[in-house]
All heavy atoms as atom14 arrays in JSON, in Angstrom:
{
  "sequence": "LWLDRDGSPFAAFFTDDREQIHWFNEEMG",
  "atom14_mask": [
    [1, 1, 1, 1, 1, 1, 1, 1, 0, 0, 0, 0, 0, 0],
    [1, 1, 1, 1, 1, 1, 1, 1, 1, 1, 1, 1, 1, 1],
    [1, 1, 1, 1, 1, 1, 1, 1, 0, 0, 0, 0, 0, 0],
    [1, 1, 1, 1, 1, 1, 1, 1, 0, 0, 0, 0, 0, 0],
    [1, 1, 1, 1, 1, 1, 1, 1, 1, 1, 1, 0, 0, 0],
    [1, 1, 1, 1, 1, 1, 1, 1, 0, 0, 0, 0, 0, 0],
    [1, 1, 1, 1, 0, 0, 0, 0, 0, 0, 0, 0, 0, 0],
    [1, 1, 1, 1, 1, 1, 0, 0, 0, 0, 0, 0, 0, 0],
    [1, 1, 1, 1, 1, 1, 1, 0, 0, 0, 0, 0, 0, 0],
    [1, 1, 1, 1, 1, 1, 1, 1, 1, 1, 1, 0, 0, 0],
    [1, 1, 1, 1, 1, 0, 0, 0, 0, 0, 0, 0, 0, 0],
    [1, 1, 1, 1, 1, 0, 0, 0, 0, 0, 0, 0, 0, 0],
    [1, 1, 1, 1, 1, 1, 1, 1, 1, 1, 1, 0, 0, 0],
    [1, 1, 1, 1, 1, 1, 1, 1, 1, 1, 1, 0, 0, 0],
    [1, 1, 1, 1, 1, 1, 1, 0, 0, 0, 0, 0, 0, 0],
    [1, 1, 1, 1, 1, 1, 1, 1, 0, 0, 0, 0, 0, 0],
    [1, 1, 1, 1, 1, 1, 1, 1, 0, 0, 0, 0, 0, 0],
    [1, 1, 1, 1, 1, 1, 1, 1, 1, 1, 1, 0, 0, 0],
    [1, 1, 1, 1, 1, 1, 1, 1, 1, 0, 0, 0, 0, 0],
    [1, 1, 1, 1, 1, 1, 1, 1, 1, 0, 0, 0, 0, 0],
    [1, 1, 1, 1, 1, 1, 1, 1, 0, 0, 0, 0, 0, 0],
    [1, 1, 1, 1, 1, 1, 1, 1, 1, 1, 0, 0, 0, 0],
    [1, 1, 1, 1, 1, 1, 1, 1, 1, 1, 1, 1, 1, 1],
    [1, 1, 1, 1, 1, 1, 1, 1, 1, 1, 1, 0, 0, 0],
    [1, 1, 1, 1, 1, 1, 1, 1, 0, 0, 0, 0, 0, 0],
    [1, 1, 1, 1, 1, 1, 1, 1, 1, 0, 0, 0, 0, 0],
    [1, 1, 1, 1, 1, 1, 1, 1, 1, 0, 0, 0, 0, 0],
    [1, 1, 1, 1, 1, 1, 1, 1, 0, 0, 0, 0, 0, 0],
    [1, 1, 1, 1, 0, 0, 0, 0, 0, 0, 0, 0, 0, 0]
  ],
  "atom14_positions": [
    [[24.62, 22.82, 4.23], [26.02, 23.05, 4.56], [26.15, 23.26, 6.06], [25.41, 24.04, 6.64], [26.55, 24.28, 3.81], [27.99, 24.69, 4.12], [28.98, 23.63, 3.6], [28.31, 26.05, 3.49], [0.0, 0.0, 0.0], [0.0, 0.0, 0.0], [0.0, 0.0, 0.0], [0.0, 0.0, 0.0], [0.0, 0.0, 0.0], [0.0, 0.0, 0.0]],
    [[27.09, 22.53, 6.67], [27.43, 22.77, 8.07], [28.71, 23.59, 8.12], [29.63, 23.37, 7.32], [27.65, 21.46, 8.81], [26.4, 20.78, 9.22], [25.12, 21.21, 9.08], [26.31, 19.49, 9.84], [24.24, 20.29, 9.59], [24.94, 19.23, 10.05], [27.25, 18.53, 10.23], [24.49, 18.05, 10.65], [26.81, 17.36, 10.83], [25.44, 17.13, 11.04]],
    [[28.75, 24.5, 9.07], [29.92, 25.35, 9.23], [30.58, 25.09, 10.58], [29.92, 24.77, 11.57], [29.53, 26.83, 9.15], [28.91, 27.28, 7.83], [28.45, 28.72, 7.94], [29.89, 27.11, 6.68], [0.0, 0.0, 0.0], [0.0, 0.0, 0.0], [0.0, 0.0, 0.0], [0.0, 0.0, 0.0], [0.0, 0.0, 0.0], [0.0, 0.0, 0.0]],
    [[31.9, 25.27, 10.6], [32.67, 25.2, 11.83], [32.46, 26.5, 12.61], [31.92, 27.49, 12.08], [34.15, 25.03, 11.47], [34.91, 24.25, 12.51], [34.46, 24.24, 13.67], [35.93, 23.65, 12.15], [0.0, 0.0, 0.0], [0.0, 0.0, 0.0], [0.0, 0.0, 0.0], [0.0, 0.0, 0.0], [0.0, 0.0, 0.0], [0.0, 0.0, 0.0]],
    [[32.88, 26.51, 13.85], [32.72, 27.73, 14.66], [33.56, 28.88, 14.12], [33.25, 30.05, 14.38], [33.09, 27.45, 16.12], [32.03, 26.64, 16.85], [32.41, 26.44, 18.3], [32.32, 27.67, 19.05], [32.77, 27.8, 20.31], [33.36, 26.78, 20.9], [32.64, 28.94, 20.95], [0.0, 0.0, 0.0], [0.0, 0.0, 0.0], [0.0, 0.0, 0.0]],
    [[34.63, 28.57, 13.39], [35.43, 29.65, 12.8], [34.86, 30.12, 11.47], [35.44, 30.98, 10.81], [36.89, 29.21, 12.63], [37.06, 28.08, 11.62], [36.05, 27.66, 11.02], [38.2, 27.6, 11.46], [0.0, 0.0, 0.0], [0.0, 0.0, 0.0], [0.0, 0.0, 0.0], [0.0, 0.0, 0.0], [0.0, 0.0, 0.0], [0.0, 0.0, 0.0]],
    [[33.72, 29.56, 11.08], [33.04, 30.0, 9.87], [33.41, 29.23, 8.62], [32.85, 29.5, 7.55], [0.0, 0.0, 0.0], [0.0, 0.0, 0.0], [0.0, 0.0, 0.0], [0.0, 0.0, 0.0], [0.0, 0.0, 0.0], [0.0, 0.0, 0.0], [0.0, 0.0, 0.0], [0.0, 0.0, 0.0], [0.0, 0.0, 0.0], [0.0, 0.0, 0.0]],
    [[34.33, 28.3, 8.72], [34.72, 27.53, 7.54], [33.79, 26.34, 7.33], [33.21, 25.82, 8.29], [36.17, 27.04, 7.7], [36.29, 26.23, 8.87], [0.0, 0.0, 0.0], [0.0, 0.0, 0.0], [0.0, 0.0, 0.0], [0.0, 0.0, 0.0], [0.0, 0.0, 0.0], [0.0, 0.0, 0.0], [0.0, 0.0, 0.0], [0.0, 0.0, 0.0]],
    [[33.63, 25.89, 6.09], [32.75, 24.74, 5.82], [33.24, 23.48, 6.54], [34.43, 23.18, 6.57], [32.83, 24.58, 4.3], [33.14, 25.95, 3.8], [34.08, 26.52, 4.83], [0.0, 0.0, 0.0], [0.0, 0.0, 0.0], [0.0, 0.0, 0.0], [0.0, 0.0, 0.0], [0.0, 0.0, 0.0], [0.0, 0.0, 0.0], [0.0, 0.0, 0.0]],
    [[32.28, 22.77, 7.09], [32.55, 21.58, 7.9], [32.1, 20.31, 7.18], [32.8, 19.31, 7.16], [31.82, 21.73, 9.23], [32.15, 20.67, 10.25], [33.39, 20.64, 10.86], [31.2, 19.74, 10.62], [33.68, 19.68, 11.81], [31.48, 18.77, 11.56], [32.73, 18.74, 12.17], [0.0, 0.0, 0.0], [0.0, 0.0, 0.0], [0.0, 0.0, 0.0]],
    [[30.89, 20.37, 6.57], [30.36, 19.23, 5.82], [29.28, 19.71, 4.89], [28.52, 20.64, 5.21], [29.81, 18.16, 6.77], [0.0, 0.0, 0.0], [0.0, 0.0, 0.0], [0.0, 0.0, 0.0], [0.0, 0.0, 0.0], [0.0, 0.0, 0.0], [0.0, 0.0, 0.0], [0.0, 0.0, 0.0], [0.0, 0.0, 0.0], [0.0, 0.0, 0.0]],
    [[29.2, 19.1, 3.7], [28.16, 19.41, 2.73], [27.32, 18.16, 2.48], [27.84, 17.04, 2.46], [28.78, 19.88, 1.41], [0.0, 0.0, 0.0], [0.0, 0.0, 0.0], [0.0, 0.0, 0.0], [0.0, 0.0, 0.0], [0.0, 0.0, 0.0], [0.0, 0.0, 0.0], [0.0, 0.0, 0.0], [0.0, 0.0, 0.0], [0.0, 0.0, 0.0]],
    [[26.02, 18.36, 2.29], [25.07, 17.26, 2.14], [24.46, 17.31, 0.74], [24.08, 18.38, 0.26], [23.96, 17.37, 3.18], [24.44, 17.22, 4.6], [25.09, 18.26, 5.24], [24.24, 16.04, 5.29], [25.53, 18.12, 6.55], [24.67, 15.9, 6.6], [25.32, 16.94, 7.23], [0.0, 0.0, 0.0], [0.0, 0.0, 0.0], [0.0, 0.0, 0.0]],
    [[24.36, 16.15, 0.12], [23.66, 16.03, -1.15], [22.94, 14.69, -1.16], [23.17, 13.82, -0.31], [24.63, 16.15, -2.33], [25.68, 15.08, -2.39], [25.47, 13.91, -3.12], [26.89, 15.23, -1.73], [26.43, 12.91, -3.17], [27.87, 14.23, -1.78], [27.63, 13.07, -2.5], [0.0, 0.0, 0.0], [0.0, 0.0, 0.0], [0.0, 0.0, 0.0]],
    [[22.06, 14.52, -2.12], [21.27, 13.29, -2.2], [21.4, 12.72, -3.6], [21.05, 13.38, -4.58], [19.78, 13.56, -1.9], [19.66, 14.16, -0.61], [18.99, 12.26, -1.92], [0.0, 0.0, 0.0], [0.0, 0.0, 0.0], [0.0, 0.0, 0.0], [0.0, 0.0, 0.0], [0.0, 0.0, 0.0], [0.0, 0.0, 0.0], [0.0, 0.0, 0.0]],
    [[21.95, 11.49, -3.69], [21.88, 10.77, -4.96], [20.6, 9.94, -4.92], [19.56, 10.36, -5.37], [23.14, 9.95, -5.24], [23.65, 9.15, -4.05], [22.85, 8.84, -3.13], [24.84, 8.8, -4.03], [0.0, 0.0, 0.0], [0.0, 0.0, 0.0], [0.0, 0.0, 0.0], [0.0, 0.0, 0.0], [0.0, 0.0, 0.0], [0.0, 0.0, 0.0]],
    [[20.68, 8.76, -4.34], [19.45, 8.06, -3.99], [19.22, 8.13, -2.48], [18.1, 8.11, -2.02], [19.48, 6.6, -4.45], [19.29, 6.48, -5.96], [18.38, 7.15, -6.48], [20.04, 5.73, -6.61], [0.0, 0.0, 0.0], [0.0, 0.0, 0.0], [0.0, 0.0, 0.0], [0.0, 0.0, 0.0], [0.0, 0.0, 0.0], [0.0, 0.0, 0.0]],
    [[20.32, 8.22, -1.73], [20.26, 8.44, -0.28], [20.97, 9.75, 0.04], [21.73, 10.28, -0.76], [20.97, 7.31, 0.47], [20.38, 5.93, 0.3], [21.16, 4.95, 1.19], [20.66, 3.6, 1.06], [21.12, 2.71, 0.19], [22.1, 3.06, -0.64], [20.63, 1.49, 0.13], [0.0, 0.0, 0.0], [0.0, 0.0, 0.0], [0.0, 0.0, 0.0]],
    [[20.74, 10.25, 1.26], [21.51, 11.42, 1.71], [22.97, 11.02, 1.87], [23.28, 10.0, 2.47], [20.96, 11.94, 3.03], [21.72, 13.17, 3.53], [21.19, 13.7, 4.84], [21.65, 13.21, 5.9], [20.35, 14.61, 4.82], [0.0, 0.0, 0.0], [0.0, 0.0, 0.0], [0.0, 0.0, 0.0], [0.0, 0.0, 0.0], [0.0, 0.0, 0.0]],
    [[23.86, 11.82, 1.32], [25.3, 11.59, 1.42], [25.97, 12.82, 2.03], [25.45, 13.94, 1.94], [25.89, 11.33, 0.03], [25.22, 10.22, -0.75], [25.5, 8.84, -0.21], [26.3, 8.66, 0.71], [24.84, 7.83, -0.78], [0.0, 0.0, 0.0], [0.0, 0.0, 0.0], [0.0, 0.0, 0.0], [0.0, 0.0, 0.0], [0.0, 0.0, 0.0]],
    [[27.12, 12.59, 2.65], [27.86, 13.67, 3.3], [29.25, 13.75, 2.7], [29.94, 12.72, 2.58], [27.98, 13.47, 4.82], [26.61, 13.23, 5.46], [28.66, 14.68, 5.47], [26.68, 12.94, 6.95], [0.0, 0.0, 0.0], [0.0, 0.0, 0.0], [0.0, 0.0, 0.0], [0.0, 0.0, 0.0], [0.0, 0.0, 0.0], [0.0, 0.0, 0.0]],
    [[29.66, 14.93, 2.31], [31.05, 15.18, 1.95], [31.68, 15.96, 3.1], [31.3, 17.1, 3.36], [31.17, 15.97, 0.65], [32.59, 16.18, 0.23], [33.24, 15.33, -0.65], [33.51, 17.11, 0.6], [34.48, 15.74, -0.81], [34.66, 16.82, -0.06], [0.0, 0.0, 0.0], [0.0, 0.0, 0.0], [0.0, 0.0, 0.0], [0.0, 0.0, 0.0]],
    [[32.63, 15.31, 3.77], [33.25, 15.93, 4.95], [34.46, 16.77, 4.54], [35.35, 16.28, 3.84], [33.7, 14.86, 5.94], [32.57, 14.09, 6.55], [32.1, 12.87, 6.16], [31.75, 14.51, 7.64], [31.05, 12.49, 6.95], [30.82, 13.48, 7.88], [31.72, 15.65, 8.46], [29.86, 13.55, 8.89], [30.78, 15.72, 9.46], [29.86, 14.69, 9.66]],
    [[34.5, 18.0, 4.99], [35.7, 18.82, 4.86], [36.58, 18.64, 6.08], [37.77, 18.9, 6.04], [35.32, 20.29, 4.68], [34.37, 20.51, 3.55], [33.08, 20.93, 3.77], [34.77, 20.28, 2.24], [32.19, 21.13, 2.73], [33.89, 20.47, 1.18], [32.6, 20.9, 1.43], [0.0, 0.0, 0.0], [0.0, 0.0, 0.0], [0.0, 0.0, 0.0]],
    [[35.97, 18.2, 7.18], [36.7, 17.89, 8.4], [37.09, 16.41, 8.35], [36.25, 15.53, 8.5], [35.81, 18.2, 9.62], [36.5, 17.92, 10.93], [36.82, 16.78, 11.23], [36.7, 18.97, 11.7], [0.0, 0.0, 0.0], [0.0, 0.0, 0.0], [0.0, 0.0, 0.0], [0.0, 0.0, 0.0], [0.0, 0.0, 0.0], [0.0, 0.0, 0.0]],
    [[38.35, 16.13, 8.09], [38.78, 14.76, 7.86], [38.63, 13.89, 9.1], [38.28, 12.71, 9.01], [40.23, 14.76, 7.37], [40.4, 15.41, 6.0], [41.85, 15.45, 5.55], [42.73, 15.18, 6.4], [42.09, 15.75, 4.37], [0.0, 0.0, 0.0], [0.0, 0.0, 0.0], [0.0, 0.0, 0.0], [0.0, 0.0, 0.0], [0.0, 0.0, 0.0]],
    [[38.9, 14.46, 10.26], [38.78, 13.69, 11.5], [37.34, 13.25, 11.73], [37.07, 12.09, 12.08], [39.28, 14.53, 12.69], [39.2, 13.82, 14.02], [39.68, 14.7, 15.16], [40.64, 15.46, 14.95], [39.09, 14.63, 16.26], [0.0, 0.0, 0.0], [0.0, 0.0, 0.0], [0.0, 0.0, 0.0], [0.0, 0.0, 0.0], [0.0, 0.0, 0.0]],
    [[36.4, 14.17, 11.52], [35.0, 13.83, 11.71], [34.53, 12.85, 10.65], [33.73, 11.94, 10.93], [34.14, 15.11, 11.67], [32.7, 14.87, 12.07], [32.56, 14.31, 13.78], [30.84, 13.81, 13.78], [0.0, 0.0, 0.0], [0.0, 0.0, 0.0], [0.0, 0.0, 0.0], [0.0, 0.0, 0.0], [0.0, 0.0, 0.0], [0.0, 0.0, 0.0]],
    [[35.01, 13.01, 9.44], [34.64, 12.08, 8.38], [35.09, 10.67, 8.68], [34.35, 9.7, 8.44], [0.0, 0.0, 0.0], [0.0, 0.0, 0.0], [0.0, 0.0, 0.0], [0.0, 0.0, 0.0], [0.0, 0.0, 0.0], [0.0, 0.0, 0.0], [0.0, 0.0, 0.0], [0.0, 0.0, 0.0], [0.0, 0.0, 0.0], [0.0, 0.0, 0.0]]
  ]
}
């Protein structure tokens, strides 16, 4: 889990067959 500087979740990582990212930050996604 990556966090923003304000402490809120920024992105979560999981692996199906490859590493995948679920972005909570829409602009960065």
